[in-house]
N, C-alpha and C. Protein backbone atom coordinates (compact mmCIF):
# COMPACT_ATOMS: atom_id res chain seq x y z
N UNK A 1 0.86 -1.17 0.00
CA UNK A 1 0.00 0.00 0.00
C UNK A 1 0.91 1.24 0.00
N UNK A 2 0.63 2.18 -0.89
CA UNK A 2 1.47 3.38 -0.97
C UNK A 2 1.19 4.30 0.22
N UNK A 3 2.22 5.07 0.64
CA UNK A 3 2.05 5.92 1.82
C UNK A 3 0.92 6.96 1.68
N UNK A 4 0.62 7.39 0.45
CA UNK A 4 -0.41 8.43 0.28
C UNK A 4 -1.75 7.86 -0.20
N UNK A 5 -1.96 6.56 -0.02
CA UNK A 5 -3.21 5.92 -0.44
C UNK A 5 -4.39 6.46 0.37
N UNK A 6 -5.55 6.48 -0.25
CA UNK A 6 -6.79 6.86 0.44
C UNK A 6 -7.37 5.63 1.12
N UNK A 7 -8.00 5.87 2.27
CA UNK A 7 -8.64 4.76 2.96
C UNK A 7 -10.04 4.56 2.39
N UNK A 8 -10.35 3.33 2.03
CA UNK A 8 -11.68 2.95 1.58
C UNK A 8 -12.18 1.87 2.54
N UNK A 9 -13.29 2.12 3.25
CA UNK A 9 -13.77 1.15 4.24
C UNK A 9 -14.06 -0.23 3.63
N UNK A 10 -13.65 -1.26 4.37
CA UNK A 10 -13.92 -2.65 3.99
C UNK A 10 -14.39 -3.40 5.24
N UNK A 11 -15.30 -4.32 5.05
CA UNK A 11 -15.81 -5.11 6.18
C UNK A 11 -14.64 -5.77 6.92
N UNK A 12 -14.68 -5.68 8.24
CA UNK A 12 -13.64 -6.28 9.07
C UNK A 12 -12.56 -5.30 9.51
N UNK A 13 -12.48 -4.13 8.87
CA UNK A 13 -11.46 -3.14 9.24
C UNK A 13 -11.75 -2.53 10.60
N UNK A 14 -10.70 -2.26 11.35
CA UNK A 14 -10.80 -1.49 12.59
C UNK A 14 -10.59 -0.02 12.23
N UNK A 15 -11.47 0.86 12.71
CA UNK A 15 -11.35 2.28 12.41
C UNK A 15 -11.58 3.10 13.68
N UNK A 16 -11.04 4.32 13.65
CA UNK A 16 -11.34 5.29 14.70
C UNK A 16 -12.22 6.34 14.03
N UNK A 17 -13.42 6.51 14.56
CA UNK A 17 -14.39 7.41 13.96
C UNK A 17 -14.83 8.47 14.97
N UNK A 18 -15.24 9.60 14.44
CA UNK A 18 -15.68 10.73 15.27
C UNK A 18 -17.20 10.87 15.17
N UNK A 19 -17.83 10.99 16.33
CA UNK A 19 -19.28 11.16 16.37
C UNK A 19 -19.65 12.53 15.83
N UNK A 20 -20.60 12.56 14.90
CA UNK A 20 -21.12 13.81 14.33
C UNK A 20 -22.45 14.18 14.94
N UNK A 21 -23.19 13.17 15.40
CA UNK A 21 -24.51 13.39 15.98
C UNK A 21 -25.17 12.05 16.20
N UNK A 22 -26.44 12.11 16.62
CA UNK A 22 -27.17 10.85 16.82
C UNK A 22 -28.63 11.04 16.46
N UNK A 23 -29.27 9.92 16.18
CA UNK A 23 -30.71 9.89 15.94
C UNK A 23 -31.27 8.85 16.89
N UNK A 24 -32.51 8.50 16.75
CA UNK A 24 -33.15 7.58 17.69
C UNK A 24 -32.40 6.27 17.83
N UNK A 25 -31.96 5.68 16.71
CA UNK A 25 -31.35 4.35 16.76
C UNK A 25 -29.87 4.30 16.42
N UNK A 26 -29.32 5.40 15.90
CA UNK A 26 -27.95 5.37 15.40
C UNK A 26 -27.12 6.56 15.87
N UNK A 27 -25.81 6.32 15.96
CA UNK A 27 -24.84 7.41 16.04
C UNK A 27 -24.35 7.61 14.61
N UNK A 28 -24.19 8.85 14.21
CA UNK A 28 -23.69 9.18 12.88
C UNK A 28 -22.23 9.57 13.04
N UNK A 29 -21.34 8.87 12.33
CA UNK A 29 -19.90 9.05 12.52
C UNK A 29 -19.19 9.45 11.23
N UNK A 30 -18.05 10.08 11.43
CA UNK A 30 -17.18 10.51 10.35
C UNK A 30 -15.93 9.63 10.40
N UNK A 31 -15.64 8.91 9.29
CA UNK A 31 -14.45 8.06 9.23
C UNK A 31 -13.30 8.83 8.60
N UNK A 32 -13.56 9.47 7.46
CA UNK A 32 -12.57 10.32 6.79
C UNK A 32 -13.27 11.16 5.73
N UNK A 33 -12.54 12.05 5.11
CA UNK A 33 -13.15 12.98 4.16
C UNK A 33 -13.52 12.33 2.83
N UNK A 34 -13.10 11.08 2.60
CA UNK A 34 -13.38 10.41 1.32
C UNK A 34 -14.52 9.41 1.42
N UNK A 35 -15.09 9.24 2.59
CA UNK A 35 -16.12 8.22 2.79
C UNK A 35 -17.44 8.88 3.19
N UNK A 36 -18.56 8.27 2.78
CA UNK A 36 -19.84 8.78 3.29
C UNK A 36 -19.89 8.56 4.79
N UNK A 37 -20.80 9.25 5.46
CA UNK A 37 -20.87 9.06 6.92
C UNK A 37 -21.14 7.60 7.25
N UNK A 38 -20.75 7.21 8.43
CA UNK A 38 -20.95 5.84 8.89
C UNK A 38 -22.03 5.82 9.95
N UNK A 39 -22.70 4.70 10.05
CA UNK A 39 -23.74 4.52 11.06
C UNK A 39 -23.28 3.50 12.08
N UNK A 40 -23.52 3.79 13.34
CA UNK A 40 -23.21 2.89 14.44
C UNK A 40 -24.49 2.73 15.25
N UNK A 41 -25.12 1.54 15.20
CA UNK A 41 -26.34 1.36 16.00
C UNK A 41 -26.07 1.64 17.47
N UNK A 42 -27.03 2.32 18.13
CA UNK A 42 -26.82 2.70 19.53
C UNK A 42 -26.70 1.50 20.45
N UNK A 43 -27.16 0.33 20.01
CA UNK A 43 -27.06 -0.87 20.85
C UNK A 43 -25.90 -1.77 20.43
N UNK A 44 -25.01 -1.28 19.55
CA UNK A 44 -23.88 -2.08 19.06
C UNK A 44 -22.65 -1.95 19.97
N UNK A 45 -22.88 -2.01 21.29
CA UNK A 45 -21.81 -1.95 22.29
C UNK A 45 -22.00 -3.13 23.23
N UNK A 46 -20.91 -3.59 23.82
CA UNK A 46 -20.99 -4.73 24.74
C UNK A 46 -21.97 -4.44 25.87
N UNK A 47 -22.95 -5.33 26.04
CA UNK A 47 -23.92 -5.22 27.14
C UNK A 47 -24.89 -4.05 27.03
N UNK A 48 -24.98 -3.41 25.87
CA UNK A 48 -25.81 -2.22 25.74
C UNK A 48 -27.30 -2.55 25.67
N UNK A 49 -28.08 -1.80 26.44
CA UNK A 49 -29.54 -1.82 26.35
C UNK A 49 -29.96 -0.37 26.18
N UNK A 50 -31.25 -0.13 26.01
CA UNK A 50 -31.70 1.26 25.85
C UNK A 50 -31.29 2.12 27.06
N UNK A 51 -31.21 1.50 28.24
CA UNK A 51 -30.84 2.25 29.44
C UNK A 51 -29.33 2.34 29.65
N UNK A 52 -28.58 1.32 29.20
CA UNK A 52 -27.14 1.29 29.51
C UNK A 52 -26.24 1.66 28.34
N UNK A 53 -26.81 2.00 27.19
CA UNK A 53 -25.97 2.34 26.03
C UNK A 53 -25.14 3.59 26.32
N UNK A 54 -23.99 3.72 25.66
CA UNK A 54 -23.16 4.91 25.88
C UNK A 54 -23.88 6.18 25.44
N UNK A 55 -23.65 7.24 26.16
CA UNK A 55 -24.22 8.54 25.81
C UNK A 55 -23.13 9.33 25.09
N UNK A 56 -23.00 9.10 23.79
CA UNK A 56 -21.96 9.77 23.02
C UNK A 56 -22.47 11.09 22.48
N UNK A 57 -21.60 12.08 22.47
CA UNK A 57 -21.98 13.39 21.94
C UNK A 57 -21.04 13.76 20.79
N UNK A 58 -21.37 14.82 20.08
CA UNK A 58 -20.57 15.26 18.94
C UNK A 58 -19.11 15.40 19.33
N UNK A 59 -18.23 14.96 18.45
CA UNK A 59 -16.76 14.97 18.58
C UNK A 59 -16.18 13.87 19.45
N UNK A 60 -17.00 13.06 20.13
CA UNK A 60 -16.46 11.90 20.86
C UNK A 60 -15.85 10.94 19.84
N UNK A 61 -14.86 10.18 20.27
CA UNK A 61 -14.17 9.23 19.40
C UNK A 61 -14.55 7.80 19.78
N UNK A 62 -14.65 6.95 18.76
CA UNK A 62 -15.04 5.56 18.95
C UNK A 62 -14.10 4.65 18.16
N UNK A 63 -13.70 3.53 18.78
CA UNK A 63 -12.93 2.50 18.10
C UNK A 63 -13.93 1.43 17.69
N UNK A 64 -14.07 1.21 16.38
CA UNK A 64 -15.12 0.31 15.91
C UNK A 64 -14.62 -0.56 14.76
N UNK A 65 -15.41 -1.58 14.46
CA UNK A 65 -15.12 -2.47 13.34
C UNK A 65 -16.16 -2.23 12.25
N UNK A 66 -15.69 -2.19 11.01
CA UNK A 66 -16.60 -2.03 9.87
C UNK A 66 -17.36 -3.34 9.67
N UNK A 67 -18.70 -3.26 9.70
CA UNK A 67 -19.55 -4.43 9.51
C UNK A 67 -19.90 -4.57 8.03
N UNK A 68 -20.28 -3.45 7.41
CA UNK A 68 -20.57 -3.49 5.98
C UNK A 68 -20.17 -2.17 5.35
N UNK A 69 -19.66 -2.26 4.13
CA UNK A 69 -19.23 -1.08 3.39
C UNK A 69 -19.45 -1.34 1.92
N UNK A 70 -20.35 -0.59 1.34
CA UNK A 70 -20.63 -0.73 -0.08
C UNK A 70 -20.63 0.64 -0.73
N UNK A 71 -20.21 0.69 -1.97
CA UNK A 71 -20.10 1.96 -2.68
C UNK A 71 -21.44 2.70 -2.66
N UNK A 72 -21.38 4.00 -2.42
CA UNK A 72 -22.54 4.90 -2.41
C UNK A 72 -23.56 4.59 -1.32
N UNK A 73 -23.15 3.86 -0.30
CA UNK A 73 -24.03 3.59 0.84
C UNK A 73 -23.29 3.93 2.12
N UNK A 74 -24.06 4.21 3.17
CA UNK A 74 -23.43 4.50 4.45
C UNK A 74 -22.76 3.24 4.99
N UNK A 75 -21.58 3.41 5.51
CA UNK A 75 -20.84 2.31 6.11
C UNK A 75 -21.47 2.00 7.47
N UNK A 76 -21.59 0.71 7.82
CA UNK A 76 -22.12 0.36 9.14
C UNK A 76 -20.98 -0.15 10.01
N UNK A 77 -20.96 0.35 11.24
CA UNK A 77 -19.93 -0.01 12.22
C UNK A 77 -20.55 -0.74 13.39
N UNK A 78 -19.69 -1.41 14.17
CA UNK A 78 -20.11 -2.05 15.41
C UNK A 78 -18.97 -2.01 16.41
N UNK A 79 -19.32 -1.99 17.68
CA UNK A 79 -18.30 -2.04 18.74
C UNK A 79 -18.33 -3.36 19.49
N UNK A 80 -18.93 -4.38 18.88
CA UNK A 80 -18.91 -5.73 19.45
C UNK A 80 -18.62 -6.73 18.35
N UNK A 81 -18.06 -7.84 18.75
CA UNK A 81 -17.85 -8.95 17.84
C UNK A 81 -19.21 -9.62 17.65
N UNK A 82 -19.72 -9.70 16.40
CA UNK A 82 -21.06 -10.24 16.21
C UNK A 82 -21.24 -11.68 16.70
N UNK A 83 -20.17 -12.48 16.67
CA UNK A 83 -20.31 -13.87 17.09
C UNK A 83 -20.29 -14.04 18.61
N UNK A 84 -19.64 -13.12 19.33
CA UNK A 84 -19.55 -13.28 20.78
C UNK A 84 -20.35 -12.24 21.56
N UNK A 85 -20.67 -11.10 20.93
CA UNK A 85 -21.35 -10.02 21.64
C UNK A 85 -20.43 -9.26 22.57
N UNK A 86 -19.12 -9.51 22.46
CA UNK A 86 -18.13 -8.86 23.33
C UNK A 86 -17.28 -7.88 22.53
N UNK A 87 -16.66 -6.93 23.24
CA UNK A 87 -15.78 -5.95 22.57
C UNK A 87 -14.35 -6.48 22.43
N UNK A 88 -14.04 -7.57 23.12
CA UNK A 88 -12.68 -8.13 23.07
C UNK A 88 -12.48 -8.91 21.79
N UNK A 89 -11.29 -9.15 21.34
CA UNK A 89 -10.01 -8.76 21.93
C UNK A 89 -9.52 -7.40 21.46
N UNK A 90 -10.29 -6.72 20.62
CA UNK A 90 -9.80 -5.49 20.00
C UNK A 90 -9.98 -4.24 20.85
N UNK A 91 -10.71 -4.32 21.97
CA UNK A 91 -10.91 -3.14 22.81
C UNK A 91 -11.83 -2.12 22.17
N UNK A 92 -12.85 -2.58 21.47
CA UNK A 92 -13.76 -1.68 20.77
C UNK A 92 -14.62 -0.89 21.75
N UNK A 93 -15.04 0.30 21.32
CA UNK A 93 -15.93 1.12 22.13
C UNK A 93 -15.49 2.57 22.15
N UNK A 94 -16.13 3.37 23.02
CA UNK A 94 -15.77 4.78 23.12
C UNK A 94 -14.32 4.94 23.61
N UNK A 95 -13.64 5.95 23.07
CA UNK A 95 -12.26 6.26 23.49
C UNK A 95 -12.31 7.50 24.37
N UNK A 96 -11.94 7.34 25.62
CA UNK A 96 -12.00 8.45 26.58
C UNK A 96 -10.60 9.01 26.83
N UNK A 97 -10.49 10.33 26.89
CA UNK A 97 -9.19 10.95 27.14
C UNK A 97 -8.30 10.82 25.93
N UNK A 98 -7.03 11.05 26.12
CA UNK A 98 -6.06 10.88 25.04
C UNK A 98 -6.25 11.85 23.90
N UNK A 99 -5.51 11.61 22.82
CA UNK A 99 -5.56 12.44 21.62
C UNK A 99 -5.49 11.53 20.39
N UNK A 100 -5.98 12.06 19.28
CA UNK A 100 -5.93 11.32 18.01
C UNK A 100 -4.94 11.99 17.08
N UNK A 101 -4.08 11.18 16.47
CA UNK A 101 -3.08 11.66 15.52
C UNK A 101 -3.38 11.04 14.16
N UNK A 102 -3.09 11.78 13.11
CA UNK A 102 -3.29 11.27 11.75
C UNK A 102 -1.96 10.78 11.20
N UNK A 103 -1.99 9.60 10.60
CA UNK A 103 -0.81 9.04 9.92
C UNK A 103 -1.28 8.56 8.56
N UNK A 104 -0.34 8.19 7.71
CA UNK A 104 -0.72 7.67 6.40
C UNK A 104 -1.41 6.31 6.56
N UNK A 105 -2.23 5.97 5.59
CA UNK A 105 -2.93 4.69 5.61
C UNK A 105 -1.92 3.54 5.58
N UNK A 106 -0.84 3.70 4.80
CA UNK A 106 0.19 2.67 4.74
C UNK A 106 0.88 2.45 6.08
N UNK A 107 1.16 3.55 6.81
CA UNK A 107 1.80 3.44 8.11
C UNK A 107 0.84 2.82 9.13
N UNK A 108 -0.44 3.18 9.05
CA UNK A 108 -1.43 2.58 9.95
C UNK A 108 -1.46 1.07 9.75
N UNK A 109 -1.38 0.64 8.51
CA UNK A 109 -1.35 -0.80 8.20
C UNK A 109 -0.13 -1.46 8.83
N UNK A 110 1.03 -0.79 8.73
CA UNK A 110 2.26 -1.34 9.34
C UNK A 110 2.11 -1.42 10.86
N UNK A 111 1.50 -0.42 11.47
CA UNK A 111 1.30 -0.44 12.93
C UNK A 111 0.40 -1.60 13.33
N UNK A 112 -0.66 -1.80 12.58
CA UNK A 112 -1.59 -2.90 12.90
C UNK A 112 -0.93 -4.26 12.74
N UNK A 113 -0.07 -4.40 11.74
CA UNK A 113 0.61 -5.68 11.50
C UNK A 113 1.92 -5.80 12.28
N UNK A 114 2.32 -4.71 12.95
CA UNK A 114 3.58 -4.67 13.71
C UNK A 114 4.76 -5.02 12.81
N UNK A 115 4.78 -4.42 11.60
CA UNK A 115 5.86 -4.67 10.64
C UNK A 115 6.80 -3.48 10.56
N UNK A 116 8.05 -3.69 10.94
CA UNK A 116 9.06 -2.64 10.81
C UNK A 116 8.79 -1.43 11.66
N UNK A 117 8.14 -1.64 12.81
CA UNK A 117 7.81 -0.53 13.70
C UNK A 117 8.39 -0.83 15.08
N UNK A 118 9.46 -0.12 15.43
CA UNK A 118 10.12 -0.33 16.72
C UNK A 118 9.70 0.72 17.75
N UNK A 119 9.10 1.82 17.29
CA UNK A 119 8.84 2.94 18.21
C UNK A 119 7.90 2.58 19.35
N UNK A 120 6.92 1.73 19.11
CA UNK A 120 5.97 1.43 20.18
C UNK A 120 6.63 0.68 21.32
N UNK A 121 7.44 -0.34 21.00
CA UNK A 121 8.15 -1.08 22.05
C UNK A 121 9.16 -0.17 22.76
N UNK A 122 9.86 0.65 21.98
CA UNK A 122 10.85 1.58 22.56
C UNK A 122 10.18 2.56 23.52
N UNK A 123 9.09 3.15 23.08
CA UNK A 123 8.38 4.11 23.93
C UNK A 123 7.80 3.43 25.17
N UNK A 124 7.28 2.22 25.00
CA UNK A 124 6.71 1.49 26.12
C UNK A 124 7.73 1.26 27.23
N UNK A 125 8.98 1.07 26.85
CA UNK A 125 10.03 0.85 27.83
C UNK A 125 10.54 2.14 28.47
N UNK A 126 10.26 3.28 27.85
CA UNK A 126 10.82 4.54 28.34
C UNK A 126 9.80 5.47 29.02
N UNK A 127 8.52 5.37 28.64
CA UNK A 127 7.50 6.24 29.23
C UNK A 127 7.02 5.66 30.55
N UNK A 128 7.10 6.44 31.60
CA UNK A 128 6.65 6.00 32.93
C UNK A 128 5.16 5.64 32.87
N UNK A 129 4.84 4.41 33.25
CA UNK A 129 3.45 3.97 33.25
C UNK A 129 2.95 3.50 31.90
N UNK A 130 3.81 3.57 30.87
CA UNK A 130 3.41 3.10 29.55
C UNK A 130 2.35 3.98 28.91
N UNK A 131 1.69 3.43 27.90
CA UNK A 131 0.65 4.16 27.19
C UNK A 131 -0.32 3.19 26.55
N UNK A 132 -1.49 3.71 26.19
CA UNK A 132 -2.49 2.93 25.46
C UNK A 132 -2.56 3.47 24.05
N UNK A 133 -2.86 2.59 23.11
CA UNK A 133 -2.93 3.00 21.70
C UNK A 133 -4.02 2.20 21.01
N UNK A 134 -4.73 2.87 20.10
CA UNK A 134 -5.70 2.21 19.22
C UNK A 134 -5.39 2.71 17.82
N UNK A 135 -5.24 1.79 16.88
CA UNK A 135 -4.88 2.14 15.50
C UNK A 135 -6.04 1.79 14.58
N UNK A 136 -6.45 2.77 13.78
CA UNK A 136 -7.50 2.55 12.79
C UNK A 136 -6.90 2.45 11.40
N UNK A 137 -7.43 1.56 10.59
CA UNK A 137 -6.94 1.43 9.22
C UNK A 137 -7.17 2.71 8.42
N UNK A 138 -8.02 3.59 8.95
CA UNK A 138 -8.32 4.85 8.28
C UNK A 138 -7.26 5.92 8.55
N UNK A 139 -6.12 5.54 9.14
CA UNK A 139 -5.02 6.48 9.34
C UNK A 139 -5.14 7.32 10.59
N UNK A 140 -5.96 6.88 11.52
CA UNK A 140 -6.10 7.61 12.79
C UNK A 140 -5.54 6.73 13.92
N UNK A 141 -4.78 7.35 14.80
CA UNK A 141 -4.18 6.64 15.93
C UNK A 141 -4.53 7.40 17.20
N UNK A 142 -5.21 6.71 18.13
CA UNK A 142 -5.56 7.30 19.43
C UNK A 142 -4.50 6.88 20.43
N UNK A 143 -4.03 7.86 21.23
CA UNK A 143 -2.98 7.60 22.21
C UNK A 143 -3.39 8.19 23.55
N UNK A 144 -3.18 7.44 24.64
CA UNK A 144 -3.40 7.96 25.98
C UNK A 144 -2.26 7.48 26.87
N UNK A 145 -1.75 8.39 27.70
CA UNK A 145 -0.68 8.08 28.66
C UNK A 145 -1.16 8.54 30.03
N UNK A 146 -1.89 7.68 30.75
CA UNK A 146 -2.47 8.10 32.02
C UNK A 146 -1.44 8.66 33.01
N UNK A 147 -0.22 8.10 33.07
CA UNK A 147 0.76 8.58 34.04
C UNK A 147 1.65 9.68 33.51
N UNK A 148 2.05 9.61 32.24
CA UNK A 148 2.94 10.63 31.67
C UNK A 148 2.17 11.85 31.17
N UNK A 149 0.85 11.77 31.12
CA UNK A 149 0.01 12.91 30.77
C UNK A 149 0.20 13.41 29.34
N UNK A 150 -0.10 14.70 29.15
CA UNK A 150 -0.07 15.31 27.82
C UNK A 150 1.33 15.22 27.21
N UNK A 151 2.37 15.39 28.02
CA UNK A 151 3.73 15.29 27.48
C UNK A 151 3.99 13.91 26.89
N UNK A 152 3.54 12.88 27.57
CA UNK A 152 3.71 11.51 27.07
C UNK A 152 2.93 11.30 25.79
N UNK A 153 1.69 11.79 25.76
CA UNK A 153 0.85 11.66 24.57
C UNK A 153 1.54 12.35 23.39
N UNK A 154 2.03 13.56 23.62
CA UNK A 154 2.70 14.31 22.55
C UNK A 154 3.98 13.61 22.09
N UNK A 155 4.71 12.99 23.01
CA UNK A 155 5.93 12.26 22.65
C UNK A 155 5.58 11.10 21.70
N UNK A 156 4.54 10.35 22.04
CA UNK A 156 4.13 9.22 21.19
C UNK A 156 3.67 9.76 19.83
N UNK A 157 2.87 10.82 19.85
CA UNK A 157 2.37 11.40 18.60
C UNK A 157 3.49 11.90 17.71
N UNK A 158 4.48 12.59 18.29
CA UNK A 158 5.62 13.08 17.51
C UNK A 158 6.40 11.92 16.90
N UNK A 159 6.61 10.87 17.68
CA UNK A 159 7.34 9.70 17.17
C UNK A 159 6.57 9.05 16.01
N UNK A 160 5.26 8.93 16.15
CA UNK A 160 4.46 8.34 15.08
C UNK A 160 4.54 9.18 13.81
N UNK A 161 4.33 10.49 13.95
CA UNK A 161 4.30 11.37 12.77
C UNK A 161 5.65 11.42 12.07
N UNK A 162 6.74 11.57 12.86
CA UNK A 162 8.07 11.64 12.24
C UNK A 162 8.47 10.32 11.59
N UNK A 163 8.14 9.21 12.24
CA UNK A 163 8.46 7.90 11.65
C UNK A 163 7.72 7.73 10.33
N UNK A 164 6.47 8.16 10.30
CA UNK A 164 5.65 8.05 9.09
C UNK A 164 6.15 9.00 8.00
N UNK A 165 6.29 10.27 8.32
CA UNK A 165 6.66 11.27 7.32
C UNK A 165 8.06 11.06 6.76
N UNK A 166 9.00 10.66 7.62
CA UNK A 166 10.38 10.47 7.18
C UNK A 166 10.68 9.03 6.78
N UNK A 167 9.67 8.15 6.90
CA UNK A 167 9.80 6.73 6.57
C UNK A 167 11.05 6.12 7.21
N UNK A 168 11.15 6.30 8.54
CA UNK A 168 12.32 5.85 9.28
C UNK A 168 12.36 4.32 9.42
N UNK A 169 13.57 3.79 9.33
CA UNK A 169 13.79 2.37 9.57
C UNK A 169 13.90 2.16 11.08
N UNK A 170 13.93 0.89 11.52
CA UNK A 170 13.89 0.59 12.96
C UNK A 170 15.03 1.23 13.74
N UNK A 171 16.26 1.23 13.20
CA UNK A 171 17.41 1.82 13.90
C UNK A 171 17.19 3.33 14.10
N UNK A 172 16.69 3.99 13.04
CA UNK A 172 16.43 5.43 13.13
C UNK A 172 15.27 5.71 14.09
N UNK A 173 14.30 4.80 14.15
CA UNK A 173 13.16 4.98 15.05
C UNK A 173 13.63 4.98 16.51
N UNK A 174 14.58 4.10 16.83
CA UNK A 174 15.08 4.03 18.21
C UNK A 174 15.81 5.33 18.58
N UNK A 175 16.58 5.88 17.65
CA UNK A 175 17.26 7.16 17.89
C UNK A 175 16.23 8.27 18.11
N UNK A 176 15.19 8.28 17.30
CA UNK A 176 14.14 9.29 17.41
C UNK A 176 13.47 9.23 18.78
N UNK A 177 13.13 8.02 19.24
CA UNK A 177 12.50 7.86 20.55
C UNK A 177 13.40 8.42 21.64
N UNK A 178 14.70 8.06 21.61
CA UNK A 178 15.63 8.57 22.62
C UNK A 178 15.71 10.09 22.61
N UNK A 179 15.72 10.69 21.41
CA UNK A 179 15.79 12.14 21.28
C UNK A 179 14.54 12.80 21.85
N UNK A 180 13.37 12.34 21.43
CA UNK A 180 12.11 12.97 21.88
C UNK A 180 11.89 12.78 23.37
N UNK A 181 12.13 11.57 23.88
CA UNK A 181 11.97 11.33 25.33
C UNK A 181 12.96 12.21 26.11
N UNK A 182 14.19 12.35 25.59
CA UNK A 182 15.18 13.22 26.24
C UNK A 182 14.79 14.68 26.18
N UNK A 183 14.31 15.15 25.02
CA UNK A 183 13.89 16.55 24.86
C UNK A 183 12.78 16.91 25.84
N UNK A 184 11.88 15.98 26.10
CA UNK A 184 10.74 16.26 26.97
C UNK A 184 10.99 15.84 28.43
N UNK A 185 12.20 15.40 28.73
CA UNK A 185 12.56 14.96 30.10
C UNK A 185 11.60 13.91 30.63
N UNK A 186 11.28 12.93 29.80
CA UNK A 186 10.35 11.89 30.21
C UNK A 186 11.03 10.59 30.61
N UNK A 187 12.31 10.45 30.30
CA UNK A 187 13.00 9.18 30.54
C UNK A 187 13.45 8.98 31.95
């Protein structure tokens, strides 16, 4: 996949989507500027009932799986595995806190497959308390560092963006992590 490829939703893809609004039965979400809006049924969450479903508002972020995607139709998403009714093992559902960073679709694919990406392991060993990450095939990466706070989130985001933009190899990625963690006094 080329680094500047456009994301086109396909069934089974994991995506990070932004809530645009809601109607009686659906949340209306934005996946990217090249796709029609996506629909997420309000009961498509683990254990959700009319009383216990998440109360999502505009601009909230959701980690979801594409259930169906057809040309010229709204994409349908879900936050549960249809066969088990659970959000595991992918950690689907609303994303609270943290920040979302944009990367190329090709780099998002590499992150999901863990191919030629050393920055996540490097950062995990250097950031106090570690960090959480969710990667969408649509080129969005959500990052949260509960203990290192905003500085930790920004460190991870900078490493992701620079690795993607400069197409760094693993050796260069390790140098970048050391530099950014040192610059922010996080090590």
